[in-house]
Amino acid sequence: MKKLLIILLTAAGALVADARTALDFFTSAPDNEIPLLRHSKRLDMVDYYNNGLANTVANELGGAARITEVSERRLTAQLSPESSMELDVLTSGRDTVLAIVTTVLLPMADSQITFYDTDWKPLRRQPQMPGIADFADNGAQGAEVSAAVPMFFVRATYRPDDDVFVFTNTTAAYFADSERPAALLALPATIERRFKNGRWSRK
């Protein structure tokens, strides 16, 4: 009985030790996966954030970067006035998966997502960002929107409370108020998807 208790406590300790947060992964990421922020810069950002300071660090292109929000499963950072990133810790089946969402903020917010395992190896399956067909109710509506807009812009963010990515259609900002196509405005403002086994799935 005593031996079994020791085994259980050891296993529980290992699980706790392996339970790493978004902040842990932010500081341990290889420089090539967050190229604008080398390791030493990220440590400075964490130090400033933990001490309640609004200080910024200069990224590799000279822009001002700082952490803006931290939770156990999500970290957001301003990389420059024109770009942001978030690092998300999510589950896919039995696996822990990391996601880096990088977003260009101007002129239309537009995101890209890269998924990794916990050793920072990119996953073999990398689903594309949702496009017009994912927002449209049917093929006819999708074709109408495709004919009306030269490009389609989508911003992504992760909602850790229910393990969902929220995708926001930002394409309307490409047009002046009086020139926005009716077909574009008929699309939903947002859609929600979960990441499962290398694919997007509906909630």
C-alpha atoms as a PDB file:
ATOM      1  CA  MET A   1       0.000   0.000   0.000  1.00  0.00           C
ATOM      2  CA  LYS A   2       2.799   2.410   0.922  1.00  0.00           C
ATOM      3  CA  LYS A   3       4.629   1.581  -2.309  1.00  0.00           C
ATOM      4  CA  LEU A   4       1.480   2.289  -4.351  1.00  0.00           C
ATOM      5  CA  LEU A   5       1.040   5.658  -2.606  1.00  0.00           C
ATOM      6  CA  ILE A   6       4.620   6.629  -3.447  1.00  0.00           C
ATOM      7  CA  ILE A   7       4.061   5.718  -7.101  1.00  0.00           C
ATOM      8  CA  LEU A   8       0.860   7.774  -7.264  1.00  0.00           C
ATOM      9  CA  LEU A   9       2.475  10.808  -5.628  1.00  0.00           C
ATOM     10  CA  THR A  10       5.436  10.576  -7.995  1.00  0.00           C
ATOM     11  CA  ALA A  11       3.126  10.423 -11.007  1.00  0.00           C
ATOM     12  CA  ALA A  12       1.106  13.382  -9.732  1.00  0.00           C
ATOM     13  CA  GLY A  13       4.297  15.365  -9.222  1.00  0.00           C
ATOM     14  CA  ALA A  14       5.394  14.619 -12.779  1.00  0.00           C
ATOM     15  CA  LEU A  15       2.067  15.848 -14.136  1.00  0.00           C
ATOM     16  CA  VAL A  16       2.328  19.094 -12.192  1.00  0.00           C
ATOM     17  CA  ALA A  17       5.887  19.612 -13.391  1.00  0.00           C
ATOM     18  CA  ASP A  18       4.741  19.060 -16.980  1.00  0.00           C
ATOM     19  CA  ALA A  19       1.815  21.514 -16.705  1.00  0.00           C
ATOM     20  CA  ARG A  20       3.440  24.475 -18.395  1.00  0.00           C
ATOM     21  CA  THR A  21       1.720  27.788 -18.951  1.00  0.00           C
ATOM     22  CA  ALA A  22       1.615  30.168 -21.891  1.00  0.00           C
ATOM     23  CA  LEU A  23       4.209  32.304 -20.131  1.00  0.00           C
ATOM     24  CA  ASP A  24       6.533  29.301 -19.781  1.00  0.00           C
ATOM     25  CA  PHE A  25       6.297  28.531 -23.476  1.00  0.00           C
ATOM     26  CA  PHE A  26       6.779  32.196 -24.399  1.00  0.00           C
ATOM     27  CA  THR A  27      10.114  32.289 -22.617  1.00  0.00           C
ATOM     28  CA  SER A  28      11.253  28.863 -23.868  1.00  0.00           C
ATOM     29  CA  ALA A  29      10.376  29.345 -27.557  1.00  0.00           C
ATOM     30  CA  PRO A  30      13.299  29.140 -30.007  1.00  0.00           C
ATOM     31  CA  ASP A  31      14.277  32.487 -31.480  1.00  0.00           C
ATOM     32  CA  ASN A  32      13.384  31.338 -34.987  1.00  0.00           C
ATOM     33  CA  GLU A  33       9.747  30.766 -33.965  1.00  0.00           C
ATOM     34  CA  ILE A  34       9.348  34.304 -32.581  1.00  0.00           C
ATOM     35  CA  PRO A  35      11.927  36.047 -34.789  1.00  0.00           C
ATOM     36  CA  LEU A  36      10.999  39.592 -33.797  1.00  0.00           C
ATOM     37  CA  LEU A  37      11.713  38.871 -30.133  1.00  0.00           C
ATOM     38  CA  ARG A  38      14.920  37.149 -29.135  1.00  0.00           C
ATOM     39  CA  HIS A  39      15.024  35.223 -25.868  1.00  0.00           C
ATOM     40  CA  SER A  40      16.642  38.017 -23.839  1.00  0.00           C
ATOM     41  CA  LYS A  41      14.011  40.510 -25.043  1.00  0.00           C
ATOM     42  CA  ARG A  42      11.203  38.162 -24.037  1.00  0.00           C
ATOM     43  CA  LEU A  43      12.678  37.767 -20.549  1.00  0.00           C
ATOM     44  CA  ASP A  44      12.748  41.560 -20.209  1.00  0.00           C
ATOM     45  CA  MET A  45       9.104  41.747 -21.327  1.00  0.00           C
ATOM     46  CA  VAL A  46       8.091  39.157 -18.728  1.00  0.00           C
ATOM     47  CA  ASP A  47       9.989  41.033 -16.015  1.00  0.00           C
ATOM     48  CA  TYR A  48       8.274  44.309 -16.903  1.00  0.00           C
ATOM     49  CA  TYR A  49       4.840  42.681 -17.007  1.00  0.00           C
ATOM     50  CA  ASN A  50       5.265  40.845 -13.705  1.00  0.00           C
ATOM     51  CA  ASN A  51       6.278  44.090 -12.038  1.00  0.00           C
ATOM     52  CA  GLY A  52       3.331  46.033 -13.435  1.00  0.00           C
ATOM     53  CA  LEU A  53       5.500  48.226 -15.660  1.00  0.00           C
ATOM     54  CA  ALA A  54       4.405  49.562 -19.061  1.00  0.00           C
ATOM     55  CA  ASN A  55       7.983  49.513 -20.356  1.00  0.00           C
ATOM     56  CA  THR A  56       8.569  48.243 -23.878  1.00  0.00           C
ATOM     57  CA  VAL A  57      11.533  46.522 -25.512  1.00  0.00           C
ATOM     58  CA  ALA A  58      12.814  47.147 -29.016  1.00  0.00           C
ATOM     59  CA  ASN A  59      12.032  44.251 -31.332  1.00  0.00           C
ATOM     60  CA  GLU A  60      14.473  43.126 -34.010  1.00  0.00           C
ATOM     61  CA  LEU A  61      13.110  45.768 -36.401  1.00  0.00           C
ATOM     62  CA  GLY A  62      13.179  48.546 -33.834  1.00  0.00           C
ATOM     63  CA  GLY A  63       9.468  48.550 -32.970  1.00  0.00           C
ATOM     64  CA  ALA A  64       8.205  48.802 -29.397  1.00  0.00           C
ATOM     65  CA  ALA A  65       7.016  45.470 -27.969  1.00  0.00           C
ATOM     66  CA  ARG A  66       5.372  44.541 -24.671  1.00  0.00           C
ATOM     67  CA  ILE A  67       3.166  41.876 -23.111  1.00  0.00           C
ATOM     68  CA  THR A  68      -0.435  43.046 -22.827  1.00  0.00           C
ATOM     69  CA  GLU A  69      -2.247  40.102 -21.207  1.00  0.00           C
ATOM     70  CA  VAL A  70      -1.368  36.799 -19.568  1.00  0.00           C
ATOM     71  CA  SER A  71      -3.428  33.843 -18.403  1.00  0.00           C
ATOM     72  CA  GLU A  72      -2.522  30.217 -17.875  1.00  0.00           C
ATOM     73  CA  ARG A  73      -3.381  29.282 -21.471  1.00  0.00           C
ATOM     74  CA  ARG A  74      -3.025  32.552 -23.380  1.00  0.00           C
ATOM     75  CA  LEU A  75      -0.441  35.312 -23.704  1.00  0.00           C
ATOM     76  CA  THR A  76      -0.896  38.368 -25.906  1.00  0.00           C
ATOM     77  CA  ALA A  77       1.797  40.841 -26.892  1.00  0.00           C
ATOM     78  CA  GLN A  78       2.100  43.983 -28.940  1.00  0.00           C
ATOM     79  CA  LEU A  79       4.998  43.518 -31.349  1.00  0.00           C
ATOM     80  CA  SER A  80       4.802  47.009 -32.834  1.00  0.00           C
ATOM     81  CA  PRO A  81       2.069  49.592 -33.478  1.00  0.00           C
ATOM     82  CA  GLU A  82       1.231  47.615 -36.639  1.00  0.00           C
ATOM     83  CA  SER A  83       1.321  44.034 -35.374  1.00  0.00           C
ATOM     84  CA  SER A  84       0.488  41.756 -32.458  1.00  0.00           C
ATOM     85  CA  MET A  85       0.851  38.137 -31.457  1.00  0.00           C
ATOM     86  CA  GLU A  86      -0.684  35.673 -29.070  1.00  0.00           C
ATOM     87  CA  LEU A  87       0.613  32.363 -27.823  1.00  0.00           C
ATOM     88  CA  ASP A  88      -2.064  29.826 -26.933  1.00  0.00           C
ATOM     89  CA  VAL A  89      -1.906  26.507 -25.110  1.00  0.00           C
ATOM     90  CA  LEU A  90      -4.730  24.214 -26.231  1.00  0.00           C
ATOM     91  CA  THR A  91      -5.682  20.569 -26.275  1.00  0.00           C
ATOM     92  CA  SER A  92      -6.190  18.392 -29.339  1.00  0.00           C
ATOM     93  CA  GLY A  93      -7.336  14.943 -28.318  1.00  0.00           C
ATOM     94  CA  ARG A  94      -4.851  13.826 -25.656  1.00  0.00           C
ATOM     95  CA  ASP A  95      -2.123  16.174 -26.833  1.00  0.00           C
ATOM     96  CA  THR A  96      -1.150  19.660 -25.754  1.00  0.00           C
ATOM     97  CA  VAL A  97      -0.749  21.928 -28.764  1.00  0.00           C
ATOM     98  CA  LEU A  98       0.777  25.381 -29.006  1.00  0.00           C
ATOM     99  CA  ALA A  99      -0.493  28.024 -31.385  1.00  0.00           C
ATOM    100  CA  ILE A 100       1.119  31.298 -32.357  1.00  0.00           C
ATOM    101  CA  VAL A 101      -1.292  33.801 -33.865  1.00  0.00           C
ATOM    102  CA  THR A 102       0.396  36.729 -35.584  1.00  0.00           C
ATOM    103  CA  THR A 103      -1.767  39.628 -36.728  1.00  0.00           C
ATOM    104  CA  VAL A 104      -0.993  42.562 -38.988  1.00  0.00           C
ATOM    105  CA  LEU A 105      -3.219  45.355 -37.693  1.00  0.00           C
ATOM    106  CA  LEU A 106      -3.121  47.882 -40.534  1.00  0.00           C
ATOM    107  CA  PRO A 107      -4.865  48.676 -42.769  1.00  0.00           C
ATOM    108  CA  MET A 108      -7.095  45.609 -42.233  1.00  0.00           C
ATOM    109  CA  ALA A 109      -6.398  43.248 -39.346  1.00  0.00           C
ATOM    110  CA  ASP A 110      -5.294  39.921 -40.836  1.00  0.00           C
ATOM    111  CA  SER A 111      -3.967  36.880 -38.974  1.00  0.00           C
ATOM    112  CA  GLN A 112      -1.938  33.750 -39.550  1.00  0.00           C
ATOM    113  CA  ILE A 113      -1.732  30.772 -37.176  1.00  0.00           C
ATOM    114  CA  THR A 114       1.058  28.218 -36.795  1.00  0.00           C
ATOM    115  CA  PHE A 115       0.619  25.131 -34.609  1.00  0.00           C
ATOM    116  CA  TYR A 116       3.410  23.322 -32.722  1.00  0.00           C
ATOM    117  CA  ASP A 117       3.910  20.448 -30.346  1.00  0.00           C
ATOM    118  CA  THR A 118       5.331  21.202 -26.913  1.00  0.00           C
ATOM    119  CA  ASP A 119       8.892  20.793 -28.219  1.00  0.00           C
ATOM    120  CA  TRP A 120       8.255  23.630 -30.682  1.00  0.00           C
ATOM    121  CA  LYS A 121       8.162  21.370 -33.707  1.00  0.00           C
ATOM    122  CA  PRO A 122       5.570  22.575 -36.273  1.00  0.00           C
ATOM    123  CA  LEU A 123       2.714  20.121 -36.622  1.00  0.00           C
ATOM    124  CA  ARG A 124       2.536  18.226 -39.892  1.00  0.00           C
ATOM    125  CA  ARG A 125      -1.052  19.358 -40.418  1.00  0.00           C
ATOM    126  CA  GLN A 126      -1.456  23.133 -40.525  1.00  0.00           C
ATOM    127  CA  PRO A 127      -5.051  24.098 -41.385  1.00  0.00           C
ATOM    128  CA  GLN A 128      -5.547  27.193 -43.491  1.00  0.00           C
ATOM    129  CA  MET A 129      -7.220  30.274 -42.099  1.00  0.00           C
ATOM    130  CA  PRO A 130     -10.995  30.215 -42.742  1.00  0.00           C
ATOM    131  CA  GLY A 131     -11.998  32.003 -45.929  1.00  0.00           C
ATOM    132  CA  ILE A 132     -15.109  33.183 -47.711  1.00  0.00           C
ATOM    133  CA  ALA A 133     -16.540  29.678 -48.054  1.00  0.00           C
ATOM    134  CA  ASP A 134     -16.384  29.212 -44.271  1.00  0.00           C
ATOM    135  CA  PHE A 135     -18.299  32.430 -43.605  1.00  0.00           C
ATOM    136  CA  ALA A 136     -20.866  31.994 -46.405  1.00  0.00           C
ATOM    137  CA  ASP A 137     -24.159  30.160 -45.897  1.00  0.00           C
ATOM    138  CA  ASN A 138     -23.875  28.417 -49.238  1.00  0.00           C
ATOM    139  CA  GLY A 139     -21.846  28.203 -52.424  1.00  0.00           C
ATOM    140  CA  ALA A 140     -23.898  30.842 -54.234  1.00  0.00           C
ATOM    141  CA  GLN A 141     -23.336  33.397 -51.485  1.00  0.00           C
ATOM    142  CA  GLY A 142     -19.632  32.546 -51.408  1.00  0.00           C
ATOM    143  CA  ALA A 143     -19.336  33.048 -55.161  1.00  0.00           C
ATOM    144  CA  GLU A 144     -21.107  36.407 -54.921  1.00  0.00           C
ATOM    145  CA  VAL A 145     -18.730  37.624 -52.230  1.00  0.00           C
ATOM    146  CA  SER A 146     -15.695  36.329 -54.138  1.00  0.00           C
ATOM    147  CA  ALA A 147     -16.768  38.335 -57.181  1.00  0.00           C
ATOM    148  CA  ALA A 148     -17.257  41.494 -55.103  1.00  0.00           C
ATOM    149  CA  VAL A 149     -14.038  41.604 -53.050  1.00  0.00           C
ATOM    150  CA  PRO A 150     -10.440  41.472 -54.316  1.00  0.00           C
ATOM    151  CA  MET A 151      -9.106  40.035 -51.046  1.00  0.00           C
ATOM    152  CA  PHE A 152     -10.563  38.571 -47.862  1.00  0.00           C
ATOM    153  CA  PHE A 153      -9.143  39.471 -44.446  1.00  0.00           C
ATOM    154  CA  VAL A 154      -9.723  37.566 -41.202  1.00  0.00           C
ATOM    155  CA  ARG A 155      -8.520  38.239 -37.683  1.00  0.00           C
ATOM    156  CA  ALA A 156      -8.103  35.301 -35.269  1.00  0.00           C
ATOM    157  CA  THR A 157      -8.013  35.054 -31.504  1.00  0.00           C
ATOM    158  CA  TYR A 158      -8.254  32.152 -29.060  1.00  0.00           C
ATOM    159  CA  ARG A 159     -10.844  31.886 -26.285  1.00  0.00           C
ATOM    160  CA  PRO A 160      -9.386  29.532 -23.668  1.00  0.00           C
ATOM    161  CA  ASP A 161     -12.547  29.278 -21.550  1.00  0.00           C
ATOM    162  CA  ASP A 162     -14.138  26.930 -24.088  1.00  0.00           C
ATOM    163  CA  ASP A 163     -11.116  26.076 -26.263  1.00  0.00           C
ATOM    164  CA  VAL A 164     -12.395  27.958 -29.318  1.00  0.00           C
ATOM    165  CA  PHE A 165     -10.826  30.150 -31.975  1.00  0.00           C
ATOM    166  CA  VAL A 166     -12.909  33.170 -32.961  1.00  0.00           C
ATOM    167  CA  PHE A 167     -12.434  34.393 -36.536  1.00  0.00           C
ATOM    168  CA  THR A 168     -13.571  37.920 -37.384  1.00  0.00           C
ATOM    169  CA  ASN A 169     -14.168  39.077 -40.937  1.00  0.00           C
ATOM    170  CA  THR A 170     -12.356  42.438 -41.221  1.00  0.00           C
ATOM    171  CA  THR A 171     -12.672  42.859 -45.002  1.00  0.00           C
ATOM    172  CA  ALA A 172     -15.254  45.659 -44.761  1.00  0.00           C
ATOM    173  CA  ALA A 173     -12.464  48.023 -43.638  1.00  0.00           C
ATOM    174  CA  TYR A 174     -10.964  47.687 -47.145  1.00  0.00           C
ATOM    175  CA  PHE A 175     -13.873  49.724 -48.559  1.00  0.00           C
ATOM    176  CA  ALA A 176     -15.188  53.220 -47.949  1.00  0.00           C
ATOM    177  CA  ASP A 177     -18.508  53.190 -46.067  1.00  0.00           C
ATOM    178  CA  SER A 178     -20.531  53.937 -49.198  1.00  0.00           C
ATOM    179  CA  GLU A 179     -18.739  51.314 -51.328  1.00  0.00           C
ATOM    180  CA  ARG A 180     -19.003  48.169 -49.227  1.00  0.00           C
ATOM    181  CA  PRO A 181     -20.643  45.365 -51.240  1.00  0.00           C
ATOM    182  CA  ALA A 182     -23.996  44.196 -49.914  1.00  0.00           C
ATOM    183  CA  ALA A 183     -22.894  40.578 -50.358  1.00  0.00           C
ATOM    184  CA  LEU A 184     -19.952  41.165 -48.026  1.00  0.00           C
ATOM    185  CA  LEU A 185     -22.116  42.812 -45.380  1.00  0.00           C
ATOM    186  CA  ALA A 186     -24.484  39.841 -45.458  1.00  0.00           C
ATOM    187  CA  LEU A 187     -21.767  37.537 -44.111  1.00  0.00           C
ATOM    188  CA  PRO A 188     -21.625  36.890 -40.355  1.00  0.00           C
ATOM    189  CA  ALA A 189     -19.156  39.084 -38.498  1.00  0.00           C
ATOM    190  CA  THR A 190     -17.541  36.102 -36.773  1.00  0.00           C
ATOM    191  CA  ILE A 191     -17.379  32.330 -36.873  1.00  0.00           C
ATOM    192  CA  GLU A 192     -16.029  29.947 -34.239  1.00  0.00           C
ATOM    193  CA  ARG A 193     -13.984  26.807 -34.721  1.00  0.00           C
ATOM    194  CA  ARG A 194     -12.099  24.267 -32.627  1.00  0.00           C
ATOM    195  CA  PHE A 195      -8.736  22.814 -33.593  1.00  0.00           C
ATOM    196  CA  LYS A 196      -8.894  19.010 -33.597  1.00  0.00           C
ATOM    197  CA  ASN A 197      -6.375  16.605 -35.077  1.00  0.00           C
ATOM    198  CA  GLY A 198      -4.941  19.119 -37.487  1.00  0.00           C
ATOM    199  CA  ARG A 199      -8.313  20.402 -38.708  1.00  0.00           C
ATOM    200  CA  TRP A 200     -10.916  23.035 -37.919  1.00  0.00           C
ATOM    201  CA  SER A 201     -14.181  21.662 -36.581  1.00  0.00           C
ATOM    202  CA  ARG A 202     -17.430  23.373 -35.739  1.00  0.00           C
ATOM    203  CA  LYS A 203     -18.297  23.768 -32.070  1.00  0.00           C
END
